[in-house]
PDB file of N, CA and C in Angstrom:
ATOM      1  N   MET A   1     -29.388  25.798   4.847  1.00  0.00           N
ATOM      2  CA  MET A   1     -28.714  24.628   5.376  1.00  0.00           C
ATOM      3  C   MET A   1     -28.450  23.607   4.284  1.00  0.00           C
ATOM      4  N   HIS A   2     -29.331  23.524   3.310  1.00  0.00           N
ATOM      5  CA  HIS A   2     -29.161  22.576   2.216  1.00  0.00           C
ATOM      6  C   HIS A   2     -27.919  22.911   1.398  1.00  0.00           C
ATOM      7  N   GLU A   3     -27.651  24.180   1.189  1.00  0.00           N
ATOM      8  CA  GLU A   3     -26.469  24.614   0.436  1.00  0.00           C
ATOM      9  C   GLU A   3     -25.188  24.187   1.148  1.00  0.00           C
ATOM     10  N   PHE A   4     -25.187  24.267   2.470  1.00  0.00           N
ATOM     11  CA  PHE A   4     -24.015  23.868   3.244  1.00  0.00           C
ATOM     12  C   PHE A   4     -23.750  22.378   3.091  1.00  0.00           C
ATOM     13  N   SER A   5     -24.781  21.550   3.161  1.00  0.00           N
ATOM     14  CA  SER A   5     -24.583  20.107   3.036  1.00  0.00           C
ATOM     15  C   SER A   5     -24.134  19.737   1.625  1.00  0.00           C
ATOM     16  N   ARG A   6     -24.608  20.459   0.612  1.00  0.00           N
ATOM     17  CA  ARG A   6     -24.180  20.188  -0.754  1.00  0.00           C
ATOM     18  C   ARG A   6     -22.713  20.542  -0.931  1.00  0.00           C
ATOM     19  N   ASN A   7     -22.302  21.676  -0.384  1.00  0.00           N
ATOM     20  CA  ASN A   7     -20.897  22.062  -0.474  1.00  0.00           C
ATOM     21  C   ASN A   7     -20.005  21.085   0.278  1.00  0.00           C
ATOM     22  N   THR A   8     -20.461  20.604   1.413  1.00  0.00           N
ATOM     23  CA  THR A   8     -19.701  19.624   2.184  1.00  0.00           C
ATOM     24  C   THR A   8     -19.563  18.334   1.397  1.00  0.00           C
ATOM     25  N   ALA A   9     -20.637  17.889   0.754  1.00  0.00           N
ATOM     26  CA  ALA A   9     -20.581  16.673  -0.053  1.00  0.00           C
ATOM     27  C   ALA A   9     -19.631  16.840  -1.235  1.00  0.00           C
ATOM     28  N   GLU A  10     -19.644  18.006  -1.862  1.00  0.00           N
ATOM     29  CA  GLU A  10     -18.732  18.262  -2.981  1.00  0.00           C
ATOM     30  C   GLU A  10     -17.283  18.256  -2.510  1.00  0.00           C
ATOM     31  N   LEU A  11     -17.020  18.849  -1.356  1.00  0.00           N
ATOM     32  CA  LEU A  11     -15.666  18.851  -0.811  1.00  0.00           C
ATOM     33  C   LEU A  11     -15.224  17.437  -0.446  1.00  0.00           C
ATOM     34  N   ARG A  12     -16.120  16.664   0.119  1.00  0.00           N
ATOM     35  CA  ARG A  12     -15.797  15.288   0.490  1.00  0.00           C
ATOM     36  C   ARG A  12     -15.475  14.467  -0.757  1.00  0.00           C
ATOM     37  N   ASP A  13     -16.277  14.615  -1.807  1.00  0.00           N
ATOM     38  CA  ASP A  13     -16.018  13.895  -3.052  1.00  0.00           C
ATOM     39  C   ASP A  13     -14.713  14.335  -3.691  1.00  0.00           C
ATOM     40  N   SER A  14     -14.450  15.624  -3.641  1.00  0.00           N
ATOM     41  CA  SER A  14     -13.200  16.141  -4.190  1.00  0.00           C
ATOM     42  C   SER A  14     -12.001  15.597  -3.416  1.00  0.00           C
ATOM     43  N   GLY A  15     -12.106  15.567  -2.104  1.00  0.00           N
ATOM     44  CA  GLY A  15     -11.039  15.019  -1.275  1.00  0.00           C
ATOM     45  C   GLY A  15     -10.831  13.535  -1.528  1.00  0.00           C
ATOM     46  N   ARG A  16     -11.920  12.810  -1.723  1.00  0.00           N
ATOM     47  CA  ARG A  16     -11.822  11.377  -2.002  1.00  0.00           C
ATOM     48  C   ARG A  16     -11.117  11.137  -3.336  1.00  0.00           C
ATOM     49  N   ARG A  17     -11.483  11.902  -4.354  1.00  0.00           N
ATOM     50  CA  ARG A  17     -10.831  11.751  -5.661  1.00  0.00           C
ATOM     51  C   ARG A  17      -9.343  12.098  -5.572  1.00  0.00           C
ATOM     52  N   PHE A  18      -9.019  13.143  -4.818  1.00  0.00           N
ATOM     53  CA  PHE A  18      -7.625  13.532  -4.659  1.00  0.00           C
ATOM     54  C   PHE A  18      -6.830  12.431  -3.959  1.00  0.00           C
ATOM     55  N   SER A  19      -7.389  11.858  -2.886  1.00  0.00           N
ATOM     56  CA  SER A  19      -6.663  10.809  -2.169  1.00  0.00           C
ATOM     57  C   SER A  19      -6.512   9.562  -3.034  1.00  0.00           C
ATOM     58  N   GLN A  20      -7.524   9.220  -3.821  1.00  0.00           N
ATOM     59  CA  GLN A  20      -7.408   8.079  -4.725  1.00  0.00           C
ATOM     60  C   GLN A  20      -6.310   8.327  -5.755  1.00  0.00           C
ATOM     61  N   LEU A  21      -6.280   9.515  -6.305  1.00  0.00           N
ATOM     62  CA  LEU A  21      -5.255   9.851  -7.287  1.00  0.00           C
ATOM     63  C   LEU A  21      -3.868   9.825  -6.655  1.00  0.00           C
ATOM     64  N   ALA A  22      -3.738  10.379  -5.470  1.00  0.00           N
ATOM     65  CA  ALA A  22      -2.436  10.422  -4.804  1.00  0.00           C
ATOM     66  C   ALA A  22      -1.930   9.016  -4.488  1.00  0.00           C
ATOM     67  N   PHE A  23      -2.788   8.175  -3.902  1.00  0.00           N
ATOM     68  CA  PHE A  23      -2.379   6.806  -3.579  1.00  0.00           C
ATOM     69  C   PHE A  23      -2.066   6.022  -4.854  1.00  0.00           C
ATOM     70  N   GLY A  24      -2.861   6.218  -5.882  1.00  0.00           N
ATOM     71  CA  GLY A  24      -2.614   5.525  -7.140  1.00  0.00           C
ATOM     72  C   GLY A  24      -1.305   5.939  -7.786  1.00  0.00           C
ATOM     73  N   LEU A  25      -1.025   7.235  -7.780  1.00  0.00           N
ATOM     74  CA  LEU A  25       0.225   7.714  -8.355  1.00  0.00           C
ATOM     75  C   LEU A  25       1.443   7.257  -7.549  1.00  0.00           C
ATOM     76  N   LEU A  26       1.302   7.193  -6.232  1.00  0.00           N
ATOM     77  CA  LEU A  26       2.410   6.693  -5.410  1.00  0.00           C
ATOM     78  C   LEU A  26       2.673   5.217  -5.688  1.00  0.00           C
ATOM     79  N   ALA A  27       1.619   4.429  -5.844  1.00  0.00           N
ATOM     80  CA  ALA A  27       1.789   3.014  -6.168  1.00  0.00           C
ATOM     81  C   ALA A  27       2.441   2.855  -7.539  1.00  0.00           C
ATOM     82  N   LEU A  28       2.008   3.644  -8.494  1.00  0.00           N
ATOM     83  CA  LEU A  28       2.594   3.588  -9.828  1.00  0.00           C
ATOM     84  C   LEU A  28       4.060   4.011  -9.809  1.00  0.00           C
ATOM     85  N   ALA A  29       4.366   5.048  -9.071  1.00  0.00           N
ATOM     86  CA  ALA A  29       5.759   5.511  -8.970  1.00  0.00           C
ATOM     87  C   ALA A  29       6.641   4.433  -8.343  1.00  0.00           C
ATOM     88  N   ALA A  30       6.135   3.756  -7.320  1.00  0.00           N
ATOM     89  CA  ALA A  30       6.908   2.681  -6.687  1.00  0.00           C
ATOM     90  C   ALA A  30       7.150   1.541  -7.669  1.00  0.00           C
ATOM     91  N   LEU A  31       6.142   1.195  -8.474  1.00  0.00           N
ATOM     92  CA  LEU A  31       6.326   0.139  -9.465  1.00  0.00           C
ATOM     93  C   LEU A  31       7.327   0.544 -10.547  1.00  0.00           C
ATOM     94  N   LEU A  32       7.245   1.791 -10.989  1.00  0.00           N
ATOM     95  CA  LEU A  32       8.193   2.259 -12.005  1.00  0.00           C
ATOM     96  C   LEU A  32       9.622   2.290 -11.466  1.00  0.00           C
ATOM     97  N   PHE A  33       9.778   2.673 -10.215  1.00  0.00           N
ATOM     98  CA  PHE A  33      11.109   2.676  -9.619  1.00  0.00           C
ATOM     99  C   PHE A  33      11.628   1.247  -9.469  1.00  0.00           C
ATOM    100  N   ALA A  34      10.749   0.324  -9.070  1.00  0.00           N
ATOM    101  CA  ALA A  34      11.151  -1.082  -8.963  1.00  0.00           C
ATOM    102  C   ALA A  34      11.597  -1.618 -10.318  1.00  0.00           C
ATOM    103  N   LEU A  35      10.867  -1.260 -11.362  1.00  0.00           N
ATOM    104  CA  LEU A  35      11.231  -1.695 -12.708  1.00  0.00           C
ATOM    105  C   LEU A  35      12.570  -1.111 -13.144  1.00  0.00           C
ATOM    106  N   SER A  36      12.789   0.152 -12.831  1.00  0.00           N
ATOM    107  CA  SER A  36      14.061   0.774 -13.218  1.00  0.00           C
ATOM    108  C   SER A  36      15.236   0.191 -12.442  1.00  0.00           C
ATOM    109  N   VAL A  37      15.028  -0.158 -11.182  1.00  0.00           N
ATOM    110  CA  VAL A  37      16.095  -0.790 -10.401  1.00  0.00           C
ATOM    111  C   VAL A  37      16.359  -2.197 -10.933  1.00  0.00           C
ATOM    112  N   HIS A  38      15.288  -2.930 -11.206  1.00  0.00           N
ATOM    113  CA  HIS A  38      15.432  -4.304 -11.689  1.00  0.00           C
ATOM    114  C   HIS A  38      16.159  -4.362 -13.032  1.00  0.00           C
ATOM    115  N   ASN A  39      15.884  -3.419 -13.907  1.00  0.00           N
ATOM    116  CA  ASN A  39      16.496  -3.411 -15.238  1.00  0.00           C
ATOM    117  C   ASN A  39      17.787  -2.593 -15.306  1.00  0.00           C
ATOM    118  N   SER A  40      18.318  -2.201 -14.175  1.00  0.00           N
ATOM    119  CA  SER A  40      19.582  -1.440 -14.090  1.00  0.00           C
ATOM    120  C   SER A  40      19.543  -0.151 -14.893  1.00  0.00           C
ATOM    121  N   LEU A  41      18.434   0.558 -14.846  1.00  0.00           N
ATOM    122  CA  LEU A  41      18.319   1.822 -15.564  1.00  0.00           C
ATOM    123  C   LEU A  41      18.868   3.001 -14.770  1.00  0.00           C
ATOM    124  N   LEU A  42      19.203   2.778 -13.508  1.00  0.00           N
ATOM    125  CA  LEU A  42      19.753   3.844 -12.677  1.00  0.00           C
ATOM    126  C   LEU A  42      21.260   3.926 -12.879  1.00  0.00           C
ATOM    127  N   PRO A  43      21.857   5.107 -12.703  1.00  0.00           N
ATOM    128  CA  PRO A  43      23.296   5.258 -12.931  1.00  0.00           C
ATOM    129  C   PRO A  43      24.163   4.658 -11.819  1.00  0.00           C
ATOM    130  N   VAL A  44      23.564   3.946 -10.877  1.00  0.00           N
ATOM    131  CA  VAL A  44      24.304   3.356  -9.765  1.00  0.00           C
ATOM    132  C   VAL A  44      24.498   1.869 -10.045  1.00  0.00           C
ATOM    133  N   GLU A  45      25.711   1.401  -9.868  1.00  0.00           N
ATOM    134  CA  GLU A  45      26.000  -0.016 -10.061  1.00  0.00           C
ATOM    135  C   GLU A  45      25.646  -0.788  -8.792  1.00  0.00           C
ATOM    136  N   LEU A  46      24.776  -1.760  -8.926  1.00  0.00           N
ATOM    137  CA  LEU A  46      24.381  -2.598  -7.803  1.00  0.00           C
ATOM    138  C   LEU A  46      24.539  -4.061  -8.188  1.00  0.00           C
ATOM    139  N   GLU A  47      24.804  -4.879  -7.199  1.00  0.00           N
ATOM    140  CA  GLU A  47      24.864  -6.316  -7.452  1.00  0.00           C
ATOM    141  C   GLU A  47      23.457  -6.828  -7.734  1.00  0.00           C
ATOM    142  N   ALA A  48      23.377  -7.973  -8.366  1.00  0.00           N
ATOM    143  CA  ALA A  48      22.086  -8.545  -8.750  1.00  0.00           C
ATOM    144  C   ALA A  48      21.202  -8.790  -7.527  1.00  0.00           C
ATOM    145  N   GLU A  49      21.788  -9.274  -6.456  1.00  0.00           N
ATOM    146  CA  GLU A  49      21.009  -9.548  -5.236  1.00  0.00           C
ATOM    147  C   GLU A  49      20.456  -8.263  -4.634  1.00  0.00           C
ATOM    148  N   ALA A  50      21.245  -7.207  -4.617  1.00  0.00           N
ATOM    149  CA  ALA A  50      20.790  -5.918  -4.083  1.00  0.00           C
ATOM    150  C   ALA A  50      19.670  -5.353  -4.946  1.00  0.00           C
ATOM    151  N   ARG A  51      19.822  -5.456  -6.270  1.00  0.00           N
ATOM    152  CA  ARG A  51      18.761  -4.978  -7.171  1.00  0.00           C
ATOM    153  C   ARG A  51      17.464  -5.747  -6.943  1.00  0.00           C
ATOM    154  N   ARG A  52      17.584  -7.065  -6.757  1.00  0.00           N
ATOM    155  CA  ARG A  52      16.401  -7.891  -6.535  1.00  0.00           C
ATOM    156  C   ARG A  52      15.699  -7.487  -5.243  1.00  0.00           C
ATOM    157  N   ILE A  53      16.448  -7.295  -4.189  1.00  0.00           N
ATOM    158  CA  ILE A  53      15.866  -6.918  -2.894  1.00  0.00           C
ATOM    159  C   ILE A  53      15.197  -5.547  -2.979  1.00  0.00           C
ATOM    160  N   ILE A  54      15.871  -4.595  -3.600  1.00  0.00           N
ATOM    161  CA  ILE A  54      15.303  -3.247  -3.724  1.00  0.00           C
ATOM    162  C   ILE A  54      14.046  -3.269  -4.581  1.00  0.00           C
ATOM    163  N   ALA A  55      14.103  -3.978  -5.700  1.00  0.00           N
ATOM    164  CA  ALA A  55      12.936  -4.035  -6.593  1.00  0.00           C
ATOM    165  C   ALA A  55      11.743  -4.659  -5.884  1.00  0.00           C
ATOM    166  N   TRP A  56      11.949  -5.789  -5.210  1.00  0.00           N
ATOM    167  CA  TRP A  56      10.823  -6.430  -4.514  1.00  0.00           C
ATOM    168  C   TRP A  56      10.320  -5.588  -3.340  1.00  0.00           C
ATOM    169  N   SER A  57      11.199  -4.821  -2.738  1.00  0.00           N
ATOM    170  CA  SER A  57      10.757  -3.922  -1.665  1.00  0.00           C
ATOM    171  C   SER A  57       9.799  -2.865  -2.203  1.00  0.00           C
ATOM    172  N   PHE A  58      10.113  -2.328  -3.370  1.00  0.00           N
ATOM    173  CA  PHE A  58       9.223  -1.328  -3.953  1.00  0.00           C
ATOM    174  C   PHE A  58       7.943  -1.938  -4.507  1.00  0.00           C
ATOM    175  N   VAL A  59       8.000  -3.167  -4.967  1.00  0.00           N
ATOM    176  CA  VAL A  59       6.767  -3.854  -5.369  1.00  0.00           C
ATOM    177  C   VAL A  59       5.878  -4.055  -4.134  1.00  0.00           C
ATOM    178  N   GLY A  60       6.498  -4.461  -3.027  1.00  0.00           N
ATOM    179  CA  GLY A  60       5.748  -4.604  -1.774  1.00  0.00           C
ATOM    180  C   GLY A  60       5.171  -3.281  -1.298  1.00  0.00           C
ATOM    181  N   LEU A  61       5.947  -2.221  -1.433  1.00  0.00           N
ATOM    182  CA  LEU A  61       5.460  -0.894  -1.062  1.00  0.00           C
ATOM    183  C   LEU A  61       4.256  -0.507  -1.906  1.00  0.00           C
ATOM    184  N   SER A  62       4.318  -0.818  -3.174  1.00  0.00           N
ATOM    185  CA  SER A  62       3.200  -0.521  -4.065  1.00  0.00           C
ATOM    186  C   SER A  62       1.959  -1.314  -3.662  1.00  0.00           C
ATOM    187  N   ALA A  63       2.137  -2.582  -3.325  1.00  0.00           N
ATOM    188  CA  ALA A  63       1.007  -3.408  -2.896  1.00  0.00           C
ATOM    189  C   ALA A  63       0.408  -2.888  -1.589  1.00  0.00           C
ATOM    190  N   LEU A  64       1.249  -2.492  -0.663  1.00  0.00           N
ATOM    191  CA  LEU A  64       0.758  -1.932   0.595  1.00  0.00           C
ATOM    192  C   LEU A  64       0.035  -0.611   0.369  1.00  0.00           C
ATOM    193  N   ASP A  65       0.520   0.169  -0.574  1.00  0.00           N
ATOM    194  CA  ASP A  65      -0.130   1.429  -0.899  1.00  0.00           C
ATOM    195  C   ASP A  65      -1.530   1.176  -1.469  1.00  0.00           C
ATOM    196  N   ALA A  66      -1.645   0.185  -2.341  1.00  0.00           N
ATOM    197  CA  ALA A  66      -2.957  -0.168  -2.894  1.00  0.00           C
ATOM    198  C   ALA A  66      -3.888  -0.690  -1.798  1.00  0.00           C
ATOM    199  N   ALA A  67      -3.357  -1.501  -0.904  1.00  0.00           N
ATOM    200  CA  ALA A  67      -4.170  -2.002   0.211  1.00  0.00           C
ATOM    201  C   ALA A  67      -4.603  -0.853   1.117  1.00  0.00           C
ATOM    202  N   LEU A  68      -3.709   0.069   1.367  1.00  0.00           N
ATOM    203  CA  LEU A  68      -4.054   1.231   2.190  1.00  0.00           C
ATOM    204  C   LEU A  68      -5.154   2.050   1.539  1.00  0.00           C
ATOM    205  N   LEU A  69      -5.122   2.171   0.237  1.00  0.00           N
ATOM    206  CA  LEU A  69      -6.171   2.891  -0.482  1.00  0.00           C
ATOM    207  C   LEU A  69      -7.524   2.222  -0.250  1.00  0.00           C
ATOM    208  N   LEU A  70      -7.577   0.903  -0.335  1.00  0.00           N
ATOM    209  CA  LEU A  70      -8.835   0.189  -0.109  1.00  0.00           C
ATOM    210  C   LEU A  70      -9.323   0.341   1.327  1.00  0.00           C
ATOM    211  N   VAL A  71      -8.409   0.184   2.279  1.00  0.00           N
ATOM    212  CA  VAL A  71      -8.781   0.318   3.689  1.00  0.00           C
ATOM    213  C   VAL A  71      -9.219   1.753   3.977  1.00  0.00           C
ATOM    214  N   TRP A  72      -8.511   2.715   3.422  1.00  0.00           N
ATOM    215  CA  TRP A  72      -8.837   4.118   3.629  1.00  0.00           C
ATOM    216  C   TRP A  72     -10.249   4.426   3.131  1.00  0.00           C
ATOM    217  N   GLU A  73     -10.583   3.904   1.950  1.00  0.00           N
ATOM    218  CA  GLU A  73     -11.918   4.133   1.396  1.00  0.00           C
ATOM    219  C   GLU A  73     -12.996   3.571   2.323  1.00  0.00           C
ATOM    220  N   ARG A  74     -12.796   2.379   2.828  1.00  0.00           N
ATOM    221  CA  ARG A  74     -13.785   1.776   3.734  1.00  0.00           C
ATOM    222  C   ARG A  74     -13.859   2.544   5.057  1.00  0.00           C
ATOM    223  N   PHE A  75     -12.711   2.969   5.552  1.00  0.00           N
ATOM    224  CA  PHE A  75     -12.656   3.695   6.811  1.00  0.00           C
ATOM    225  C   PHE A  75     -13.384   5.039   6.698  1.00  0.00           C
ATOM    226  N   ILE A  76     -13.093   5.768   5.645  1.00  0.00           N
ATOM    227  CA  ILE A  76     -13.741   7.066   5.438  1.00  0.00           C
ATOM    228  C   ILE A  76     -15.231   6.886   5.172  1.00  0.00           C
ATOM    229  N   GLY A  77     -15.592   5.836   4.421  1.00  0.00           N
ATOM    230  CA  GLY A  77     -16.997   5.552   4.169  1.00  0.00           C
ATOM    231  C   GLY A  77     -17.757   5.256   5.456  1.00  0.00           C
ATOM    232  N   ALA A  78     -17.125   4.512   6.362  1.00  0.00           N
ATOM    233  CA  ALA A  78     -17.761   4.196   7.638  1.00  0.00           C
ATOM    234  C   ALA A  78     -17.945   5.454   8.483  1.00  0.00           C
ATOM    235  N   ILE A  79     -16.968   6.341   8.453  1.00  0.00           N
ATOM    236  CA  ILE A  79     -17.076   7.581   9.209  1.00  0.00           C
ATOM    237  C   ILE A  79     -18.182   8.473   8.630  1.00  0.00           C
ATOM    238  N   ALA A  80     -18.246   8.534   7.298  1.00  0.00           N
ATOM    239  CA  ALA A  80     -19.234   9.394   6.648  1.00  0.00           C
ATOM    240  C   ALA A  80     -20.671   8.887   6.914  1.00  0.00           C
ATOM    241  N   ARG A  81     -20.844   7.578   6.985  1.00  0.00           N
ATOM    242  CA  ARG A  81     -22.186   7.029   7.239  1.00  0.00           C
ATOM    243  C   ARG A  81     -22.569   7.124   8.704  1.00  0.00           C
ATOM    244  N   GLY A  82     -21.591   7.014   9.574  1.00  0.00           N
ATOM    245  CA  GLY A  82     -21.901   6.931  11.002  1.00  0.00           C
ATOM    246  C   GLY A  82     -21.752   8.198  11.678  1.00  0.00           C
TER     247      GLY A  82
END
């Protein structure tokens, strides 16, 4: 039975690291896309106002992704303890 609990703990830790990496990479990708839109690095011509709105939308998406990562960690931690 001890071997089973150790394997479960290893899987849980592996899953936690994977979710942290995934959420972090998604937040980073959103920030990089916002930067590329803001600096007109995309081959699409957009007005300044449209670029500003799109860039801030992706910055907001990145912030929400980071917040979701924090909430997710607390939520999963509460489930694992309880």
